[in-house]
């Protein structure tokens, strides 16, 4: 029975480790994709500005930066909510 419990614990730890590694990889891929998209929009805006379409280029740059700031603020507020929820759960024990 003890050996079965040890095997089960080892299996669970391996599964949790796999989930954590996959989550980290997904987060890194998301950050890389966001960077590529943002830089494409900003470089595109700079290029549009350089060929004489200053209003469109500036709009592209501002929209890309606003989207990045919005995602950052939304992510931080989500982290604060999650932290508050966890602290309330711990304090209720």
PDB file of N, CA and C in Angstrom:
ATOM      1  N   UNK A   1       0.834  -1.196   0.000  1.00  0.00           N
ATOM      2  CA  UNK A   1       0.000   0.000   0.000  1.00  0.00           C
ATOM      3  C   UNK A   1       0.878   1.258   0.000  1.00  0.00           C
ATOM      4  N   UNK A   2       1.956   1.229   0.793  1.00  0.00           N
ATOM      5  CA  UNK A   2       2.848   2.389   0.846  1.00  0.00           C
ATOM      6  C   UNK A   2       3.535   2.616  -0.495  1.00  0.00           C
ATOM      7  N   UNK A   3       3.929   1.529  -1.136  1.00  0.00           N
ATOM      8  CA  UNK A   3       4.581   1.651  -2.439  1.00  0.00           C
ATOM      9  C   UNK A   3       3.611   2.245  -3.462  1.00  0.00           C
ATOM     10  N   UNK A   4       2.363   1.835  -3.409  1.00  0.00           N
ATOM     11  CA  UNK A   4       1.359   2.391  -4.317  1.00  0.00           C
ATOM     12  C   UNK A   4       1.166   3.887  -4.053  1.00  0.00           C
ATOM     13  N   UNK A   5       1.150   4.263  -2.788  1.00  0.00           N
ATOM     14  CA  UNK A   5       0.998   5.674  -2.441  1.00  0.00           C
ATOM     15  C   UNK A   5       2.205   6.482  -2.918  1.00  0.00           C
ATOM     16  N   UNK A   6       3.397   5.918  -2.782  1.00  0.00           N
ATOM     17  CA  UNK A   6       4.597   6.605  -3.259  1.00  0.00           C
ATOM     18  C   UNK A   6       4.575   6.752  -4.779  1.00  0.00           C
ATOM     19  N   UNK A   7       4.129   5.700  -5.477  1.00  0.00           N
ATOM     20  CA  UNK A   7       4.042   5.768  -6.930  1.00  0.00           C
ATOM     21  C   UNK A   7       3.016   6.814  -7.373  1.00  0.00           C
ATOM     22  N   UNK A   8       1.907   6.857  -6.665  1.00  0.00           N
ATOM     23  CA  UNK A   8       0.865   7.832  -6.987  1.00  0.00           C
ATOM     24  C   UNK A   8       1.371   9.258  -6.753  1.00  0.00           C
ATOM     25  N   UNK A   9       2.081   9.466  -5.667  1.00  0.00           N
ATOM     26  CA  UNK A   9       2.634  10.787  -5.362  1.00  0.00           C
ATOM     27  C   UNK A   9       3.669  11.181  -6.409  1.00  0.00           C
ATOM     28  N   UNK A  10       4.502  10.243  -6.801  1.00  0.00           N
ATOM     29  CA  UNK A  10       5.509  10.513  -7.824  1.00  0.00           C
ATOM     30  C   UNK A  10       4.844  10.856  -9.157  1.00  0.00           C
ATOM     31  N   UNK A  11       3.805  10.107  -9.500  1.00  0.00           N
ATOM     32  CA  UNK A  11       3.083  10.363 -10.743  1.00  0.00           C
ATOM     33  C   UNK A  11       2.430  11.755 -10.707  1.00  0.00           C
ATOM     34  N   UNK A  12       1.809  12.110  -9.611  1.00  0.00           N
ATOM     35  CA  UNK A  12       1.153  13.414  -9.464  1.00  0.00           C
ATOM     36  C   UNK A  12       2.179  14.546  -9.579  1.00  0.00           C
ATOM     37  N   UNK A  13       3.333  14.358  -8.940  1.00  0.00           N
ATOM     38  CA  UNK A  13       4.377  15.385  -9.015  1.00  0.00           C
ATOM     39  C   UNK A  13       4.884  15.548 -10.448  1.00  0.00           C
ATOM     40  N   UNK A  14       5.013  14.433 -11.154  1.00  0.00           N
ATOM     41  CA  UNK A  14       5.445  14.497 -12.540  1.00  0.00           C
ATOM     42  C   UNK A  14       4.406  15.235 -13.394  1.00  0.00           C
ATOM     43  N   UNK A  15       3.142  14.942 -13.177  1.00  0.00           N
ATOM     44  CA  UNK A  15       2.066  15.602 -13.918  1.00  0.00           C
ATOM     45  C   UNK A  15       2.062  17.102 -13.639  1.00  0.00           C
ATOM     46  N   UNK A  16       2.199  17.484 -12.373  1.00  0.00           N
ATOM     47  CA  UNK A  16       2.214  18.899 -12.011  1.00  0.00           C
ATOM     48  C   UNK A  16       3.409  19.602 -12.647  1.00  0.00           C
ATOM     49  N   UNK A  17       4.544  18.947 -12.663  1.00  0.00           N
ATOM     50  CA  UNK A  17       5.734  19.510 -13.291  1.00  0.00           C
ATOM     51  C   UNK A  17       5.511  19.709 -14.787  1.00  0.00           C
ATOM     52  N   UNK A  18       4.873  18.760 -15.428  1.00  0.00           N
ATOM     53  CA  UNK A  18       4.585  18.877 -16.864  1.00  0.00           C
ATOM     54  C   UNK A  18       3.633  20.038 -17.141  1.00  0.00           C
ATOM     55  N   UNK A  19       2.639  20.193 -16.300  1.00  0.00           N
ATOM     56  CA  UNK A  19       1.678  21.285 -16.472  1.00  0.00           C
ATOM     57  C   UNK A  19       2.366  22.632 -16.294  1.00  0.00           C
ATOM     58  N   UNK A  20       3.232  22.731 -15.311  1.00  0.00           N
ATOM     59  CA  UNK A  20       3.946  23.990 -15.066  1.00  0.00           C
ATOM     60  C   UNK A  20       4.853  24.328 -16.242  1.00  0.00           C
ATOM     61  N   UNK A  21       5.582  23.340 -16.756  1.00  0.00           N
ATOM     62  CA  UNK A  21       6.465  23.576 -17.906  1.00  0.00           C
ATOM     63  C   UNK A  21       5.661  24.017 -19.128  1.00  0.00           C
ATOM     64  N   UNK A  22       4.520  23.383 -19.360  1.00  0.00           N
ATOM     65  CA  UNK A  22       3.681  23.747 -20.499  1.00  0.00           C
ATOM     66  C   UNK A  22       3.120  25.158 -20.337  1.00  0.00           C
ATOM     67  N   UNK A  23       2.756  25.507 -19.130  1.00  0.00           N
ATOM     68  CA  UNK A  23       2.240  26.854 -18.868  1.00  0.00           C
ATOM     69  C   UNK A  23       3.302  27.917 -19.112  1.00  0.00           C
ATOM     70  N   UNK A  24       4.510  27.653 -18.669  1.00  0.00           N
ATOM     71  CA  UNK A  24       5.614  28.590 -18.891  1.00  0.00           C
ATOM     72  C   UNK A  24       5.888  28.736 -20.386  1.00  0.00           C
ATOM     73  N   UNK A  25       5.882  27.636 -21.108  1.00  0.00           N
ATOM     74  CA  UNK A  25       6.128  27.684 -22.557  1.00  0.00           C
ATOM     75  C   UNK A  25       5.026  28.472 -23.259  1.00  0.00           C
ATOM     76  N   UNK A  26       3.779  28.273 -22.850  1.00  0.00           N
ATOM     77  CA  UNK A  26       2.669  29.009 -23.459  1.00  0.00           C
ATOM     78  C   UNK A  26       2.768  30.498 -23.165  1.00  0.00           C
ATOM     79  N   UNK A  27       3.161  30.851 -21.952  1.00  0.00           N
ATOM     80  CA  UNK A  27       3.326  32.263 -21.614  1.00  0.00           C
ATOM     81  C   UNK A  27       4.441  32.902 -22.426  1.00  0.00           C
ATOM     82  N   UNK A  28       5.541  32.207 -22.577  1.00  0.00           N
ATOM     83  CA  UNK A  28       6.658  32.743 -23.374  1.00  0.00           C
ATOM     84  C   UNK A  28       6.253  32.910 -24.835  1.00  0.00           C
ATOM     85  N   UNK A  29       5.528  31.936 -25.367  1.00  0.00           N
ATOM     86  CA  UNK A  29       5.078  32.036 -26.758  1.00  0.00           C
ATOM     87  C   UNK A  29       4.114  33.209 -26.920  1.00  0.00           C
ATOM     88  N   UNK A  30       3.242  33.417 -25.952  1.00  0.00           N
ATOM     89  CA  UNK A  30       2.314  34.542 -26.006  1.00  0.00           C
ATOM     90  C   UNK A  30       3.026  35.876 -25.970  1.00  0.00           C
ATOM     91  N   UNK A  31       4.037  35.969 -25.122  1.00  0.00           N
ATOM     92  CA  UNK A  31       4.811  37.210 -25.031  1.00  0.00           C
ATOM     93  C   UNK A  31       5.558  37.458 -26.345  1.00  0.00           C
ATOM     94  N   UNK A  32       6.130  36.411 -26.905  1.00  0.00           N
ATOM     95  CA  UNK A  32       6.854  36.562 -28.170  1.00  0.00           C
ATOM     96  C   UNK A  32       5.911  36.995 -29.295  1.00  0.00           C
ATOM     97  N   UNK A  33       4.740  36.394 -29.362  1.00  0.00           N
ATOM     98  CA  UNK A  33       3.770  36.775 -30.393  1.00  0.00           C
ATOM     99  C   UNK A  33       3.294  38.213 -30.206  1.00  0.00           C
ATOM    100  N   UNK A  34       3.038  38.598 -28.966  1.00  0.00           N
ATOM    101  CA  UNK A  34       2.615  39.974 -28.690  1.00  0.00           C
ATOM    102  C   UNK A  34       3.700  40.961 -29.091  1.00  0.00           C
ATOM    103  N   UNK A  35       4.948  40.627 -28.812  1.00  0.00           N
ATOM    104  CA  UNK A  35       6.060  41.498 -29.192  1.00  0.00           C
ATOM    105  C   UNK A  35       6.137  41.647 -30.705  1.00  0.00           C
ATOM    106  N   UNK A  36       6.011  40.541 -31.410  1.00  0.00           N
ATOM    107  CA  UNK A  36       6.089  40.579 -32.873  1.00  0.00           C
ATOM    108  C   UNK A  36       4.951  41.417 -33.456  1.00  0.00           C
ATOM    109  N   UNK A  37       3.752  41.224 -32.952  1.00  0.00           N
ATOM    110  CA  UNK A  37       2.603  41.976 -33.450  1.00  0.00           C
ATOM    111  C   UNK A  37       2.764  43.465 -33.148  1.00  0.00           C
ATOM    112  N   UNK A  38       3.167  43.787 -31.924  1.00  0.00           N
ATOM    113  CA  UNK A  38       3.331  45.192 -31.549  1.00  0.00           C
ATOM    114  C   UNK A  38       4.425  45.865 -32.369  1.00  0.00           C
ATOM    115  N   UNK A  39       5.547  45.196 -32.524  1.00  0.00           N
ATOM    116  CA  UNK A  39       6.640  45.790 -33.289  1.00  0.00           C
ATOM    117  C   UNK A  39       6.269  45.933 -34.762  1.00  0.00           C
ATOM    118  N   UNK A  40       5.507  44.993 -35.297  1.00  0.00           N
ATOM    119  CA  UNK A  40       5.046  45.106 -36.679  1.00  0.00           C
ATOM    120  C   UNK A  40       4.163  46.340 -36.844  1.00  0.00           C
ATOM    121  N   UNK A  41       3.247  46.543 -35.896  1.00  0.00           N
ATOM    122  CA  UNK A  41       2.373  47.711 -35.972  1.00  0.00           C
ATOM    123  C   UNK A  41       3.152  49.010 -35.813  1.00  0.00           C
ATOM    124  N   UNK A  42       4.101  49.037 -34.899  1.00  0.00           N
ATOM    125  CA  UNK A  42       4.883  50.255 -34.677  1.00  0.00           C
ATOM    126  C   UNK A  42       5.800  50.545 -35.868  1.00  0.00           C
ATOM    127  N   UNK A  43       6.485  49.534 -36.360  1.00  0.00           N
ATOM    128  CA  UNK A  43       7.355  49.728 -37.527  1.00  0.00           C
ATOM    129  C   UNK A  43       6.529  50.103 -38.758  1.00  0.00           C
ATOM    130  N   UNK A  44       5.371  49.468 -38.890  1.00  0.00           N
ATOM    131  CA  UNK A  44       4.472  49.835 -39.989  1.00  0.00           C
ATOM    132  C   UNK A  44       4.026  51.282 -39.879  1.00  0.00           C
ATOM    133  N   UNK A  45       3.742  51.724 -38.667  1.00  0.00           N
ATOM    134  CA  UNK A  45       3.358  53.119 -38.467  1.00  0.00           C
ATOM    135  C   UNK A  45       4.485  54.076 -38.788  1.00  0.00           C
ATOM    136  N   UNK A  46       5.692  53.714 -38.410  1.00  0.00           N
ATOM    137  CA  UNK A  46       6.859  54.547 -38.735  1.00  0.00           C
ATOM    138  C   UNK A  46       7.061  54.603 -40.250  1.00  0.00           C
ATOM    139  N   UNK A  47       6.918  53.462 -40.907  1.00  0.00           N
ATOM    140  CA  UNK A  47       7.055  53.431 -42.365  1.00  0.00           C
ATOM    141  C   UNK A  47       5.979  54.284 -43.039  1.00  0.00           C
ATOM    142  N   UNK A  48       4.722  54.160 -42.569  1.00  0.00           N
ATOM    143  CA  UNK A  48       3.648  54.968 -43.150  1.00  0.00           C
ATOM    144  C   UNK A  48       3.915  56.458 -42.946  1.00  0.00           C
ATOM    145  N   UNK A  49       4.424  56.797 -41.782  1.00  0.00           N
ATOM    146  CA  UNK A  49       4.757  58.198 -41.524  1.00  0.00           C
ATOM    147  C   UNK A  49       5.867  58.676 -42.450  1.00  0.00           C
ATOM    148  N   UNK A  50       6.841  57.816 -42.693  1.00  0.00           N
ATOM    149  CA  UNK A  50       7.973  58.221 -43.535  1.00  0.00           C
ATOM    150  C   UNK A  50       7.601  58.400 -45.003  1.00  0.00           C
ATOM    151  N   UNK A  51       6.532  57.742 -45.472  1.00  0.00           N
ATOM    152  CA  UNK A  51       6.133  57.904 -46.876  1.00  0.00           C
ATOM    153  C   UNK A  51       5.067  58.980 -47.049  1.00  0.00           C
ATOM    154  N   UNK A  52       4.792  59.717 -45.968  1.00  0.00           N
ATOM    155  CA  UNK A  52       3.884  60.853 -46.103  1.00  0.00           C
ATOM    156  C   UNK A  52       2.482  60.639 -45.576  1.00  0.00           C
ATOM    157  N   UNK A  53       2.184  59.474 -45.051  1.00  0.00           N
ATOM    158  CA  UNK A  53       0.856  59.200 -44.491  1.00  0.00           C
ATOM    159  C   UNK A  53       0.932  59.330 -42.967  1.00  0.00           C
ATOM    160  N   UNK A  54       1.221  60.547 -42.530  1.00  0.00           N
ATOM    161  CA  UNK A  54       1.522  60.749 -41.116  1.00  0.00           C
ATOM    162  C   UNK A  54       0.336  60.446 -40.204  1.00  0.00           C
ATOM    163  N   UNK A  55      -0.878  60.786 -40.600  1.00  0.00           N
ATOM    164  CA  UNK A  55      -2.042  60.548 -39.736  1.00  0.00           C
ATOM    165  C   UNK A  55      -2.279  59.048 -39.543  1.00  0.00           C
ATOM    166  N   UNK A  56      -2.208  58.302 -40.617  1.00  0.00           N
ATOM    167  CA  UNK A  56      -2.419  56.849 -40.543  1.00  0.00           C
ATOM    168  C   UNK A  56      -1.283  56.187 -39.766  1.00  0.00           C
ATOM    169  N   UNK A  57      -0.061  56.610 -40.016  1.00  0.00           N
ATOM    170  CA  UNK A  57       1.083  56.033 -39.315  1.00  0.00           C
ATOM    171  C   UNK A  57       1.045  56.323 -37.830  1.00  0.00           C
ATOM    172  N   UNK A  58       0.725  57.559 -37.478  1.00  0.00           N
ATOM    173  CA  UNK A  58       0.642  57.922 -36.068  1.00  0.00           C
ATOM    174  C   UNK A  58      -0.493  57.166 -35.378  1.00  0.00           C
ATOM    175  N   UNK A  59      -1.607  57.008 -36.075  1.00  0.00           N
ATOM    176  CA  UNK A  59      -2.726  56.243 -35.519  1.00  0.00           C
ATOM    177  C   UNK A  59      -2.323  54.792 -35.264  1.00  0.00           C
ATOM    178  N   UNK A  60      -1.583  54.216 -36.170  1.00  0.00           N
ATOM    179  CA  UNK A  60      -1.112  52.841 -36.012  1.00  0.00           C
ATOM    180  C   UNK A  60      -0.201  52.704 -34.794  1.00  0.00           C
ATOM    181  N   UNK A  61       0.709  53.644 -34.646  1.00  0.00           N
ATOM    182  CA  UNK A  61       1.640  53.598 -33.508  1.00  0.00           C
ATOM    183  C   UNK A  61       0.887  53.764 -32.189  1.00  0.00           C
ATOM    184  N   UNK A  62       0.004  54.747 -32.133  1.00  0.00           N
ATOM    185  CA  UNK A  62      -0.751  55.002 -30.894  1.00  0.00           C
ATOM    186  C   UNK A  62      -1.652  53.829 -30.556  1.00  0.00           C
ATOM    187  N   UNK A  63      -2.302  53.232 -31.563  1.00  0.00           N
ATOM    188  CA  UNK A  63      -3.179  52.086 -31.309  1.00  0.00           C
ATOM    189  C   UNK A  63      -2.393  50.898 -30.765  1.00  0.00           C
ATOM    190  N   UNK A  64      -1.211  50.641 -31.317  1.00  0.00           N
ATOM    191  CA  UNK A  64      -0.389  49.519 -30.840  1.00  0.00           C
ATOM    192  C   UNK A  64       0.054  49.751 -29.407  1.00  0.00           C
ATOM    193  N   UNK A  65       0.502  50.967 -29.112  1.00  0.00           N
ATOM    194  CA  UNK A  65       0.939  51.267 -27.749  1.00  0.00           C
ATOM    195  C   UNK A  65      -0.228  51.234 -26.763  1.00  0.00           C
ATOM    196  N   UNK A  66      -1.386  51.739 -27.177  1.00  0.00           N
ATOM    197  CA  UNK A  66      -2.558  51.712 -26.302  1.00  0.00           C
ATOM    198  C   UNK A  66      -2.988  50.276 -26.006  1.00  0.00           C
ATOM    199  N   UNK A  67      -2.910  49.427 -27.018  1.00  0.00           N
ATOM    200  CA  UNK A  67      -3.271  48.020 -26.801  1.00  0.00           C
ATOM    201  C   UNK A  67      -2.310  47.367 -25.818  1.00  0.00           C
ATOM    202  N   UNK A  68      -1.017  47.652 -25.944  1.00  0.00           N
ATOM    203  CA  UNK A  68      -0.041  47.082 -25.016  1.00  0.00           C
ATOM    204  C   UNK A  68      -0.288  47.558 -23.585  1.00  0.00           C
ATOM    205  N   UNK A  69      -0.539  48.837 -23.428  1.00  0.00           N
ATOM    206  CA  UNK A  69      -0.809  49.379 -22.096  1.00  0.00           C
ATOM    207  C   UNK A  69      -2.100  48.779 -21.531  1.00  0.00           C
ATOM    208  N   UNK A  70      -3.114  48.658 -22.367  1.00  0.00           N
ATOM    209  CA  UNK A  70      -4.378  48.075 -21.914  1.00  0.00           C
ATOM    210  C   UNK A  70      -4.228  46.642 -21.443  1.00  0.00           C
ATOM    211  N   UNK A  71      -3.494  45.845 -22.191  1.00  0.00           N
ATOM    212  CA  UNK A  71      -3.276  44.451 -21.799  1.00  0.00           C
ATOM    213  C   UNK A  71      -2.470  44.383 -20.503  1.00  0.00           C
ATOM    214  N   UNK A  72      -1.477  45.255 -20.362  1.00  0.00           N
ATOM    215  CA  UNK A  72      -0.666  45.286 -19.149  1.00  0.00           C
ATOM    216  C   UNK A  72      -1.524  45.623 -17.934  1.00  0.00           C
ATOM    217  N   UNK A  73      -2.352  46.658 -18.043  1.00  0.00           N
ATOM    218  CA  UNK A  73      -3.212  47.066 -16.928  1.00  0.00           C
ATOM    219  C   UNK A  73      -4.224  45.974 -16.603  1.00  0.00           C
ATOM    220  N   UNK A  74      -4.826  45.371 -17.625  1.00  0.00           N
ATOM    221  CA  UNK A  74      -5.794  44.299 -17.403  1.00  0.00           C
ATOM    222  C   UNK A  74      -5.139  43.109 -16.704  1.00  0.00           C
ATOM    223  N   UNK A  75      -3.923  42.761 -17.123  1.00  0.00           N
ATOM    224  CA  UNK A  75      -3.207  41.646 -16.502  1.00  0.00           C
ATOM    225  C   UNK A  75      -2.866  41.923 -15.056  1.00  0.00           C
ATOM    226  N   UNK A  76      -2.437  43.137 -14.755  1.00  0.00           N
ATOM    227  CA  UNK A  76      -2.106  43.501 -13.374  1.00  0.00           C
ATOM    228  C   UNK A  76      -3.342  43.477 -12.490  1.00  0.00           C
ATOM    229  N   UNK A  77      -4.467  43.964 -12.998  1.00  0.00           N
ATOM    230  CA  UNK A  77      -5.685  43.952 -12.184  1.00  0.00           C
ATOM    231  C   UNK A  77      -6.145  42.512 -11.942  1.00  0.00           C
ATOM    232  N   UNK A  78      -5.963  41.647 -12.933  1.00  0.00           N
ATOM    233  CA  UNK A  78      -6.303  40.237 -12.752  1.00  0.00           C
ATOM    234  C   UNK A  78      -5.418  39.568 -11.715  1.00  0.00           C
ATOM    235  N   UNK A  79      -4.132  39.924 -11.706  1.00  0.00           N
ATOM    236  CA  UNK A  79      -3.219  39.372 -10.710  1.00  0.00           C
ATOM    237  C   UNK A  79      -3.604  39.838  -9.308  1.00  0.00           C
ATOM    238  N   UNK A  80      -3.985  41.107  -9.178  1.00  0.00           N
ATOM    239  CA  UNK A  80      -4.384  41.628  -7.872  1.00  0.00           C
ATOM    240  C   UNK A  80      -5.642  40.922  -7.372  1.00  0.00           C
ATOM    241  N   UNK A  81      -6.618  40.696  -8.261  1.00  0.00           N
ATOM    242  CA  UNK A  81      -7.844  39.998  -7.877  1.00  0.00           C
ATOM    243  C   UNK A  81      -7.542  38.576  -7.434  1.00  0.00           C
ATOM    244  N   UNK A  82      -6.671  37.897  -8.171  1.00  0.00           N
ATOM    245  CA  UNK A  82      -6.318  36.523  -7.831  1.00  0.00           C
ATOM    246  C   UNK A  82      -5.588  36.461  -6.492  1.00  0.00           C
ATOM    247  N   UNK A  83      -4.668  37.392  -6.263  1.00  0.00           N
ATOM    248  CA  UNK A  83      -3.939  37.437  -5.004  1.00  0.00           C
ATOM    249  C   UNK A  83      -4.888  37.707  -3.838  1.00  0.00           C
ATOM    250  N   UNK A  84      -5.830  38.626  -4.029  1.00  0.00           N
ATOM    251  CA  UNK A  84      -6.806  38.930  -2.982  1.00  0.00           C
ATOM    252  C   UNK A  84      -7.675  37.712  -2.688  1.00  0.00           C
ATOM    253  N   UNK A  85      -8.084  37.020  -3.750  1.00  0.00           N
ATOM    254  CA  UNK A  85      -8.921  35.831  -3.589  1.00  0.00           C
ATOM    255  C   UNK A  85      -8.166  34.742  -2.807  1.00  0.00           C
ATOM    256  N   UNK A  86      -6.878  34.554  -3.125  1.00  0.00           N
ATOM    257  CA  UNK A  86      -6.088  33.559  -2.421  1.00  0.00           C
ATOM    258  C   UNK A  86      -5.871  33.937  -0.963  1.00  0.00           C
ATOM    259  N   UNK A  87      -5.622  35.221  -0.711  1.00  0.00           N
ATOM    260  CA  UNK A  87      -5.407  35.642   0.668  1.00  0.00           C
ATOM    261  C   UNK A  87      -6.680  35.509   1.493  1.00  0.00           C
ATOM    262  N   UNK A  88      -7.835  35.753   0.888  1.00  0.00           N
ATOM    263  CA  UNK A  88      -9.104  35.564   1.595  1.00  0.00           C
ATOM    264  C   UNK A  88      -9.350  34.093   1.884  1.00  0.00           C
ATOM    265  N   UNK A  89      -8.977  33.228   0.940  1.00  0.00           N
ATOM    266  CA  UNK A  89      -9.154  31.786   1.156  1.00  0.00           C
ATOM    267  C   UNK A  89      -8.261  31.292   2.283  1.00  0.00           C
ATOM    268  N   UNK A  90      -7.039  31.812   2.333  1.00  0.00           N
ATOM    269  CA  UNK A  90      -6.118  31.392   3.387  1.00  0.00           C
ATOM    270  C   UNK A  90      -6.571  31.912   4.744  1.00  0.00           C
ATOM    271  N   UNK A  91      -7.048  33.150   4.775  1.00  0.00           N
ATOM    272  CA  UNK A  91      -7.470  33.727   6.049  1.00  0.00           C
ATOM    273  C   UNK A  91      -8.737  33.096   6.577  1.00  0.00           C
ATOM    274  N   UNK A  92      -9.551  32.501   5.699  1.00  0.00           N
ATOM    275  CA  UNK A  92     -10.781  31.861   6.155  1.00  0.00           C
ATOM    276  C   UNK A  92     -10.521  30.490   6.789  1.00  0.00           C
ATOM    277  N   UNK A  93      -9.311  29.974   6.616  1.00  0.00           N
ATOM    278  CA  UNK A  93      -8.970  28.673   7.210  1.00  0.00           C
ATOM    279  C   UNK A  93      -8.747  28.888   8.654  1.00  0.00           C
TER     280      UNK A  93
END
